[in-house]
Amino acid sequence: MINIVNDLYQKNKNENLCISGGSGMNSVANGILFEKTKYKNIYIPPEPGDAGGSLGSAAYQINKINNTSIQFNDNPYLGPSYSDEAIKKDIDDNMTTIKENSIKINKFDLIINDVSGISDKLISISSWFKNIPCNSGSDGTDLTIEVLKNFRLHLNKKGRMYFPVISLSNEKKIFRYLNRNKIKYKIVSENDWPLPKELYKSLNLLKKLKSKNYINFKKKFNILIASTKIIRIVN
């Protein structure tokens, strides 16, 4: 690419260069052009792909044929502008059509769901979840309850779904939701596992979260133990 551009400069002796097409997407190569060519002004349009090249070719031909000077604004947006009110009105006017033509949701006989959650308060002190956006809420139930609200949309009649409930969330709240909404469920397995040692230095916070039912754990032989229950529900 550098050789081609240098050859182009030798033929035209013009310090201005415009790049379009897929080559314009290569930001590394674009930077090298400044260093290893004699071009001082390099322009890359907001839409350097094939669509941008087509627009440029069309404008060039129109200018050449009509001896005019058509120019595009230096942004990727072409065509008329619309106010927020006009956009909202168009959406409202067509909402019925959108609903009638909405994509059909697939349903299954068996769903194995691995979405669970733990208290956000616990996430903030645990390197296990560093830089991972869990968004489970203060008591760790938001994601699980969101799944329970929508599972019937994806599960056939008499279909089954399996999902985990971790004791580092408000288990009681999850089971209350199941019972209140008359969702048939069964605990099919339960396994204990030790909390990481790094959490021991935050024992006071763990006890505070436990007192609020945000989490639950037990202590055995000076080891803090949490658990995971696997729940089966039937539609």
C-alpha atoms as a PDB file:
ATOM      1  CA  MET A   1       0.000   0.000   0.000  1.00  0.00           C
ATOM      2  CA  ILE A   2       2.847   2.412   0.854  1.00  0.00           C
ATOM      3  CA  ASN A   3       4.510   1.764  -2.516  1.00  0.00           C
ATOM      4  CA  ILE A   4       1.254   2.421  -4.366  1.00  0.00           C
ATOM      5  CA  VAL A   5       0.692   5.707  -2.547  1.00  0.00           C
ATOM      6  CA  ASN A   6       4.277   6.847  -3.095  1.00  0.00           C
ATOM      7  CA  ASP A   7       3.968   6.013  -6.791  1.00  0.00           C
ATOM      8  CA  LEU A   8       0.754   8.030  -6.926  1.00  0.00           C
ATOM      9  CA  TYR A   9       2.530  11.028  -5.409  1.00  0.00           C
ATOM     10  CA  GLN A  10       5.291  10.853  -8.001  1.00  0.00           C
ATOM     11  CA  LYS A  11       2.700  10.995 -10.765  1.00  0.00           C
ATOM     12  CA  ASN A  12       0.589  13.835  -9.348  1.00  0.00           C
ATOM     13  CA  LYS A  13       2.855  15.817  -7.011  1.00  0.00           C
ATOM     14  CA  ASN A  14      -0.157  16.706  -4.877  1.00  0.00           C
ATOM     15  CA  GLU A  15       0.140  16.846  -1.082  1.00  0.00           C
ATOM     16  CA  ASN A  16      -3.577  16.103  -0.572  1.00  0.00           C
ATOM     17  CA  LEU A  17      -4.787  12.490  -0.416  1.00  0.00           C
ATOM     18  CA  CYS A  18      -8.296  11.085   0.061  1.00  0.00           C
ATOM     19  CA  ILE A  19      -8.724   7.422   0.964  1.00  0.00           C
ATOM     20  CA  SER A  20     -11.950   5.474   0.514  1.00  0.00           C
ATOM     21  CA  GLY A  21     -12.974   1.842   0.387  1.00  0.00           C
ATOM     22  CA  GLY A  22     -11.946  -0.834   2.856  1.00  0.00           C
ATOM     23  CA  SER A  23      -8.384   0.528   3.041  1.00  0.00           C
ATOM     24  CA  GLY A  24      -9.693   3.519   4.957  1.00  0.00           C
ATOM     25  CA  MET A  25     -10.746   1.195   7.788  1.00  0.00           C
ATOM     26  CA  ASN A  26      -7.107   0.327   8.564  1.00  0.00           C
ATOM     27  CA  SER A  27      -6.181   2.951  11.148  1.00  0.00           C
ATOM     28  CA  VAL A  28      -2.662   1.544  11.598  1.00  0.00           C
ATOM     29  CA  ALA A  29      -1.898   1.817   7.885  1.00  0.00           C
ATOM     30  CA  ASN A  30      -3.401   5.304   7.790  1.00  0.00           C
ATOM     31  CA  GLY A  31      -0.951   6.421  10.457  1.00  0.00           C
ATOM     32  CA  ILE A  32       1.994   4.934   8.572  1.00  0.00           C
ATOM     33  CA  LEU A  33       1.011   6.931   5.485  1.00  0.00           C
ATOM     34  CA  PHE A  34       1.856  10.121   7.375  1.00  0.00           C
ATOM     35  CA  GLU A  35       5.271   8.765   8.316  1.00  0.00           C
ATOM     36  CA  LYS A  36       6.396   7.121   5.079  1.00  0.00           C
ATOM     37  CA  THR A  37       4.845   9.228   2.310  1.00  0.00           C
ATOM     38  CA  LYS A  38       5.087  12.879   1.288  1.00  0.00           C
ATOM     39  CA  TYR A  39       1.365  13.541   1.672  1.00  0.00           C
ATOM     40  CA  LYS A  40       0.692  16.216   4.270  1.00  0.00           C
ATOM     41  CA  ASN A  41      -3.113  16.290   4.162  1.00  0.00           C
ATOM     42  CA  ILE A  42      -4.809  12.906   4.299  1.00  0.00           C
ATOM     43  CA  TYR A  43      -8.600  12.837   4.397  1.00  0.00           C
ATOM     44  CA  ILE A  44     -10.612   9.753   5.373  1.00  0.00           C
ATOM     45  CA  PRO A  45     -14.396  10.222   5.142  1.00  0.00           C
ATOM     46  CA  PRO A  46     -16.718   9.111   7.961  1.00  0.00           C
ATOM     47  CA  GLU A  47     -17.906   6.243   5.712  1.00  0.00           C
ATOM     48  CA  PRO A  48     -14.697   4.982   4.101  1.00  0.00           C
ATOM     49  CA  GLY A  49     -16.193   1.633   3.077  1.00  0.00           C
ATOM     50  CA  ASP A  50     -17.619   0.645  -0.304  1.00  0.00           C
ATOM     51  CA  ALA A  51     -20.772   2.700   0.250  1.00  0.00           C
ATOM     52  CA  GLY A  52     -18.681   5.843   0.710  1.00  0.00           C
ATOM     53  CA  GLY A  53     -16.700   5.083  -2.432  1.00  0.00           C
ATOM     54  CA  SER A  54     -19.914   4.750  -4.418  1.00  0.00           C
ATOM     55  CA  LEU A  55     -21.171   8.120  -3.184  1.00  0.00           C
ATOM     56  CA  GLY A  56     -17.873   9.750  -4.048  1.00  0.00           C
ATOM     57  CA  SER A  57     -17.868   8.247  -7.542  1.00  0.00           C
ATOM     58  CA  ALA A  58     -21.408   9.453  -8.161  1.00  0.00           C
ATOM     59  CA  ALA A  59     -20.569  12.972  -6.965  1.00  0.00           C
ATOM     60  CA  TYR A  60     -17.437  13.041  -9.129  1.00  0.00           C
ATOM     61  CA  GLN A  61     -19.378  12.108 -12.271  1.00  0.00           C
ATOM     62  CA  ILE A  62     -22.160  14.636 -11.575  1.00  0.00           C
ATOM     63  CA  ASN A  63     -19.604  17.384 -11.040  1.00  0.00           C
ATOM     64  CA  LYS A  64     -17.747  16.416 -14.198  1.00  0.00           C
ATOM     65  CA  ILE A  65     -20.830  16.207 -16.417  1.00  0.00           C
ATOM     66  CA  ASN A  66     -22.654  19.266 -15.074  1.00  0.00           C
ATOM     67  CA  ASN A  67     -19.587  21.309 -14.233  1.00  0.00           C
ATOM     68  CA  THR A  68     -20.942  21.777 -10.716  1.00  0.00           C
ATOM     69  CA  SER A  69     -19.495  21.264  -7.245  1.00  0.00           C
ATOM     70  CA  ILE A  70     -21.567  18.829  -5.206  1.00  0.00           C
ATOM     71  CA  GLN A  71     -20.152  18.350  -1.715  1.00  0.00           C
ATOM     72  CA  PHE A  72     -21.148  16.158   1.223  1.00  0.00           C
ATOM     73  CA  ASN A  73     -21.036  17.326   4.802  1.00  0.00           C
ATOM     74  CA  ASP A  74     -18.193  15.839   6.799  1.00  0.00           C
ATOM     75  CA  ASN A  75     -20.386  13.350   8.640  1.00  0.00           C
ATOM     76  CA  PRO A  76     -21.876   9.915   7.921  1.00  0.00           C
ATOM     77  CA  TYR A  77     -25.477  11.135   7.865  1.00  0.00           C
ATOM     78  CA  LEU A  78     -27.105  11.866   4.508  1.00  0.00           C
ATOM     79  CA  GLY A  79     -30.674  12.795   3.670  1.00  0.00           C
ATOM     80  CA  PRO A  80     -33.230  14.894   5.549  1.00  0.00           C
ATOM     81  CA  SER A  81     -33.260  15.318   9.306  1.00  0.00           C
ATOM     82  CA  TYR A  82     -36.200  14.425  11.566  1.00  0.00           C
ATOM     83  CA  SER A  83     -37.220  15.850  14.914  1.00  0.00           C
ATOM     84  CA  ASP A  84     -37.726  13.648  17.972  1.00  0.00           C
ATOM     85  CA  GLU A  85     -41.466  14.365  17.775  1.00  0.00           C
ATOM     86  CA  ALA A  86     -41.646  13.208  14.145  1.00  0.00           C
ATOM     87  CA  ILE A  87     -39.754   9.989  14.958  1.00  0.00           C
ATOM     88  CA  LYS A  88     -42.018   9.256  17.939  1.00  0.00           C
ATOM     89  CA  LYS A  89     -45.149   9.843  15.852  1.00  0.00           C
ATOM     90  CA  ASP A  90     -43.932   7.496  13.124  1.00  0.00           C
ATOM     91  CA  ILE A  91     -43.171   4.774  15.692  1.00  0.00           C
ATOM     92  CA  ASP A  92     -46.570   5.194  17.365  1.00  0.00           C
ATOM     93  CA  ASP A  93     -48.394   5.118  14.018  1.00  0.00           C
ATOM     94  CA  ASN A  94     -46.670   1.904  13.006  1.00  0.00           C
ATOM     95  CA  MET A  95     -46.510   0.116  16.356  1.00  0.00           C
ATOM     96  CA  THR A  96     -49.504  -2.109  15.543  1.00  0.00           C
ATOM     97  CA  THR A  97     -47.863  -3.263  12.330  1.00  0.00           C
ATOM     98  CA  ILE A  98     -44.601  -3.895  14.175  1.00  0.00           C
ATOM     99  CA  LYS A  99     -46.374  -6.058  16.770  1.00  0.00           C
ATOM    100  CA  GLU A 100     -48.284  -8.009  14.119  1.00  0.00           C
ATOM    101  CA  ASN A 101     -45.076  -8.767  12.247  1.00  0.00           C
ATOM    102  CA  SER A 102     -42.893  -9.411  15.267  1.00  0.00           C
ATOM    103  CA  ILE A 103     -40.419 -12.274  15.157  1.00  0.00           C
ATOM    104  CA  LYS A 104     -41.803 -15.610  16.307  1.00  0.00           C
ATOM    105  CA  ILE A 105     -40.234 -16.701  19.605  1.00  0.00           C
ATOM    106  CA  ASN A 106     -38.772 -20.209  19.607  1.00  0.00           C
ATOM    107  CA  LYS A 107     -39.955 -22.580  22.324  1.00  0.00           C
ATOM    108  CA  PHE A 108     -38.185 -25.609  23.751  1.00  0.00           C
ATOM    109  CA  ASP A 109     -38.968 -28.782  25.710  1.00  0.00           C
ATOM    110  CA  LEU A 110     -35.851 -28.398  27.843  1.00  0.00           C
ATOM    111  CA  ILE A 111     -33.936 -25.302  28.914  1.00  0.00           C
ATOM    112  CA  ILE A 112     -30.752 -25.472  30.981  1.00  0.00           C
ATOM    113  CA  ASN A 113     -30.264 -21.962  32.290  1.00  0.00           C
ATOM    114  CA  ASP A 114     -26.973 -20.973  33.901  1.00  0.00           C
ATOM    115  CA  VAL A 115     -28.040 -17.461  34.911  1.00  0.00           C
ATOM    116  CA  SER A 116     -27.727 -16.878  38.631  1.00  0.00           C
ATOM    117  CA  GLY A 117     -26.567 -14.000  40.767  1.00  0.00           C
ATOM    118  CA  ILE A 118     -24.947 -12.916  43.979  1.00  0.00           C
ATOM    119  CA  SER A 119     -25.335  -9.753  46.003  1.00  0.00           C
ATOM    120  CA  ASP A 120     -23.758  -6.707  44.373  1.00  0.00           C
ATOM    121  CA  LYS A 121     -22.429  -5.830  47.830  1.00  0.00           C
ATOM    122  CA  LEU A 122     -20.403  -9.042  47.756  1.00  0.00           C
ATOM    123  CA  ILE A 123     -19.227  -8.554  44.181  1.00  0.00           C
ATOM    124  CA  SER A 124     -17.601  -5.273  45.180  1.00  0.00           C
ATOM    125  CA  ILE A 125     -15.186  -7.024  47.567  1.00  0.00           C
ATOM    126  CA  SER A 126     -14.499 -10.213  45.604  1.00  0.00           C
ATOM    127  CA  SER A 127     -11.825 -10.529  42.919  1.00  0.00           C
ATOM    128  CA  TRP A 128     -13.805 -13.494  41.555  1.00  0.00           C
ATOM    129  CA  PHE A 129     -16.071 -10.976  39.851  1.00  0.00           C
ATOM    130  CA  LYS A 130     -13.602  -8.172  39.166  1.00  0.00           C
ATOM    131  CA  ASN A 131     -14.578  -6.113  36.094  1.00  0.00           C
ATOM    132  CA  ILE A 132     -17.587  -8.364  35.411  1.00  0.00           C
ATOM    133  CA  PRO A 133     -20.919  -6.461  35.263  1.00  0.00           C
ATOM    134  CA  CYS A 134     -23.228  -8.860  37.139  1.00  0.00           C
ATOM    135  CA  ASN A 135     -26.100  -6.411  37.753  1.00  0.00           C
ATOM    136  CA  SER A 136     -27.805  -8.781  40.184  1.00  0.00           C
ATOM    137  CA  GLY A 137     -29.052  -6.161  42.640  1.00  0.00           C
ATOM    138  CA  SER A 138     -28.290  -5.671  46.314  1.00  0.00           C
ATOM    139  CA  ASP A 139     -29.688  -9.091  47.217  1.00  0.00           C
ATOM    140  CA  GLY A 140     -28.489 -10.907  44.076  1.00  0.00           C
ATOM    141  CA  THR A 141     -31.945 -11.882  42.808  1.00  0.00           C
ATOM    142  CA  ASP A 142     -32.572  -9.492  39.892  1.00  0.00           C
ATOM    143  CA  LEU A 143     -31.262 -11.722  37.087  1.00  0.00           C
ATOM    144  CA  THR A 144     -32.875 -14.917  38.404  1.00  0.00           C
ATOM    145  CA  ILE A 145     -36.298 -13.314  38.882  1.00  0.00           C
ATOM    146  CA  GLU A 146     -36.078 -11.737  35.424  1.00  0.00           C
ATOM    147  CA  VAL A 147     -35.581 -15.250  33.993  1.00  0.00           C
ATOM    148  CA  LEU A 148     -38.546 -16.546  35.992  1.00  0.00           C
ATOM    149  CA  LYS A 149     -40.741 -13.749  34.691  1.00  0.00           C
ATOM    150  CA  ASN A 150     -40.103 -14.752  31.080  1.00  0.00           C
ATOM    151  CA  PHE A 151     -39.400 -18.487  31.041  1.00  0.00           C
ATOM    152  CA  ARG A 152     -42.914 -19.391  29.833  1.00  0.00           C
ATOM    153  CA  LEU A 153     -42.280 -17.443  26.614  1.00  0.00           C
ATOM    154  CA  HIS A 154     -39.588 -19.955  25.692  1.00  0.00           C
ATOM    155  CA  LEU A 155     -40.816 -23.202  27.251  1.00  0.00           C
ATOM    156  CA  ASN A 156     -43.308 -25.576  25.654  1.00  0.00           C
ATOM    157  CA  LYS A 157     -46.220 -26.930  27.650  1.00  0.00           C
ATOM    158  CA  LYS A 158     -44.920 -29.536  30.111  1.00  0.00           C
ATOM    159  CA  GLY A 159     -41.393 -28.425  29.223  1.00  0.00           C
ATOM    160  CA  ARG A 160     -38.726 -28.290  31.936  1.00  0.00           C
ATOM    161  CA  MET A 161     -36.135 -25.705  32.896  1.00  0.00           C
ATOM    162  CA  TYR A 162     -33.189 -26.149  35.224  1.00  0.00           C
ATOM    163  CA  PHE A 163     -31.496 -23.179  36.876  1.00  0.00           C
ATOM    164  CA  PRO A 164     -29.139 -22.540  39.809  1.00  0.00           C
ATOM    165  CA  VAL A 165     -29.825 -20.630  43.002  1.00  0.00           C
ATOM    166  CA  ILE A 166     -26.729 -19.582  44.930  1.00  0.00           C
ATOM    167  CA  SER A 167     -26.874 -18.950  48.674  1.00  0.00           C
ATOM    168  CA  LEU A 168     -24.939 -15.720  48.106  1.00  0.00           C
ATOM    169  CA  SER A 169     -28.259 -14.260  47.004  1.00  0.00           C
ATOM    170  CA  ASN A 170     -31.615 -13.915  48.737  1.00  0.00           C
ATOM    171  CA  GLU A 171     -32.842 -17.499  48.307  1.00  0.00           C
ATOM    172  CA  LYS A 172     -35.997 -16.872  50.335  1.00  0.00           C
ATOM    173  CA  LYS A 173     -37.061 -14.099  47.954  1.00  0.00           C
ATOM    174  CA  ILE A 174     -36.610 -16.374  44.931  1.00  0.00           C
ATOM    175  CA  PHE A 175     -38.651 -19.189  46.488  1.00  0.00           C
ATOM    176  CA  ARG A 176     -41.344 -16.718  47.553  1.00  0.00           C
ATOM    177  CA  TYR A 177     -41.595 -15.599  43.937  1.00  0.00           C
ATOM    178  CA  LEU A 178     -41.924 -19.206  42.768  1.00  0.00           C
ATOM    179  CA  ASN A 179     -44.670 -19.946  45.297  1.00  0.00           C
ATOM    180  CA  ARG A 180     -46.546 -16.675  44.814  1.00  0.00           C
ATOM    181  CA  ASN A 181     -46.704 -17.215  41.051  1.00  0.00           C
ATOM    182  CA  LYS A 182     -47.631 -20.894  41.428  1.00  0.00           C
ATOM    183  CA  ILE A 183     -44.587 -22.103  39.520  1.00  0.00           C
ATOM    184  CA  LYS A 184     -44.071 -25.832  40.006  1.00  0.00           C
ATOM    185  CA  TYR A 185     -40.534 -26.506  41.126  1.00  0.00           C
ATOM    186  CA  LYS A 186     -38.327 -29.064  42.812  1.00  0.00           C
ATOM    187  CA  ILE A 187     -34.829 -28.854  44.287  1.00  0.00           C
ATOM    188  CA  VAL A 188     -33.019 -31.667  42.468  1.00  0.00           C
ATOM    189  CA  SER A 189     -29.548 -31.190  43.970  1.00  0.00           C
ATOM    190  CA  GLU A 190     -27.644 -29.093  46.484  1.00  0.00           C
ATOM    191  CA  ASN A 191     -23.893 -28.773  46.811  1.00  0.00           C
ATOM    192  CA  ASP A 192     -21.791 -26.947  49.384  1.00  0.00           C
ATOM    193  CA  TRP A 193     -18.575 -25.124  48.553  1.00  0.00           C
ATOM    194  CA  PRO A 194     -16.091 -23.028  50.562  1.00  0.00           C
ATOM    195  CA  LEU A 195     -15.981 -19.273  50.227  1.00  0.00           C
ATOM    196  CA  PRO A 196     -12.615 -17.897  49.074  1.00  0.00           C
ATOM    197  CA  LYS A 197     -10.233 -16.937  51.866  1.00  0.00           C
ATOM    198  CA  GLU A 198     -10.107 -13.345  50.633  1.00  0.00           C
ATOM    199  CA  LEU A 199     -13.668 -12.852  51.900  1.00  0.00           C
ATOM    200  CA  TYR A 200     -12.767 -13.739  55.468  1.00  0.00           C
ATOM    201  CA  LYS A 201     -11.312 -10.276  56.024  1.00  0.00           C
ATOM    202  CA  SER A 202     -14.790  -8.897  55.283  1.00  0.00           C
ATOM    203  CA  LEU A 203     -16.551 -11.170  57.757  1.00  0.00           C
ATOM    204  CA  ASN A 204     -18.424  -8.281  59.383  1.00  0.00           C
ATOM    205  CA  LEU A 205     -19.909  -7.314  56.014  1.00  0.00           C
ATOM    206  CA  LEU A 206     -20.836 -10.943  55.319  1.00  0.00           C
ATOM    207  CA  LYS A 207     -22.649 -11.145  58.654  1.00  0.00           C
ATOM    208  CA  LYS A 208     -24.466  -7.873  57.936  1.00  0.00           C
ATOM    209  CA  LEU A 209     -25.595  -9.130  54.509  1.00  0.00           C
ATOM    210  CA  LYS A 210     -26.727 -12.391  56.084  1.00  0.00           C
ATOM    211  CA  SER A 211     -28.776 -10.532  58.701  1.00  0.00           C
ATOM    212  CA  LYS A 212     -30.638  -8.812  55.837  1.00  0.00           C
ATOM    213  CA  ASN A 213     -31.194 -12.136  54.022  1.00  0.00           C
ATOM    214  CA  TYR A 214     -29.118 -10.830  51.117  1.00  0.00           C
ATOM    215  CA  ILE A 215     -26.879 -13.887  51.418  1.00  0.00           C
ATOM    216  CA  ASN A 216     -26.682 -17.068  53.460  1.00  0.00           C
ATOM    217  CA  PHE A 217     -23.715 -19.149  54.562  1.00  0.00           C
ATOM    218  CA  LYS A 218     -22.689 -21.437  57.375  1.00  0.00           C
ATOM    219  CA  LYS A 219     -19.484 -22.006  59.275  1.00  0.00           C
ATOM    220  CA  LYS A 220     -18.002 -25.461  59.685  1.00  0.00           C
ATOM    221  CA  PHE A 221     -14.556 -26.221  61.105  1.00  0.00           C
ATOM    222  CA  ASN A 222     -13.743 -22.498  60.772  1.00  0.00           C
ATOM    223  CA  ILE A 223     -14.553 -22.650  57.057  1.00  0.00           C
ATOM    224  CA  LEU A 224     -17.266 -20.439  55.571  1.00  0.00           C
ATOM    225  CA  ILE A 225     -19.561 -22.563  53.431  1.00  0.00           C
ATOM    226  CA  ALA A 226     -21.971 -21.428  50.702  1.00  0.00           C
ATOM    227  CA  SER A 227     -24.201 -23.629  48.568  1.00  0.00           C
ATOM    228  CA  THR A 228     -25.723 -23.973  45.121  1.00  0.00           C
ATOM    229  CA  LYS A 229     -29.157 -25.487  44.582  1.00  0.00           C
ATOM    230  CA  ILE A 230     -30.281 -26.745  41.187  1.00  0.00           C
ATOM    231  CA  ILE A 231     -33.988 -26.111  40.665  1.00  0.00           C
ATOM    232  CA  ARG A 232     -36.245 -27.830  38.149  1.00  0.00           C
ATOM    233  CA  ILE A 233     -39.459 -26.121  37.092  1.00  0.00           C
ATOM    234  CA  VAL A 234     -42.198 -27.503  34.866  1.00  0.00           C
ATOM    235  CA  ASN A 235     -44.366 -25.323  32.647  1.00  0.00           C
END
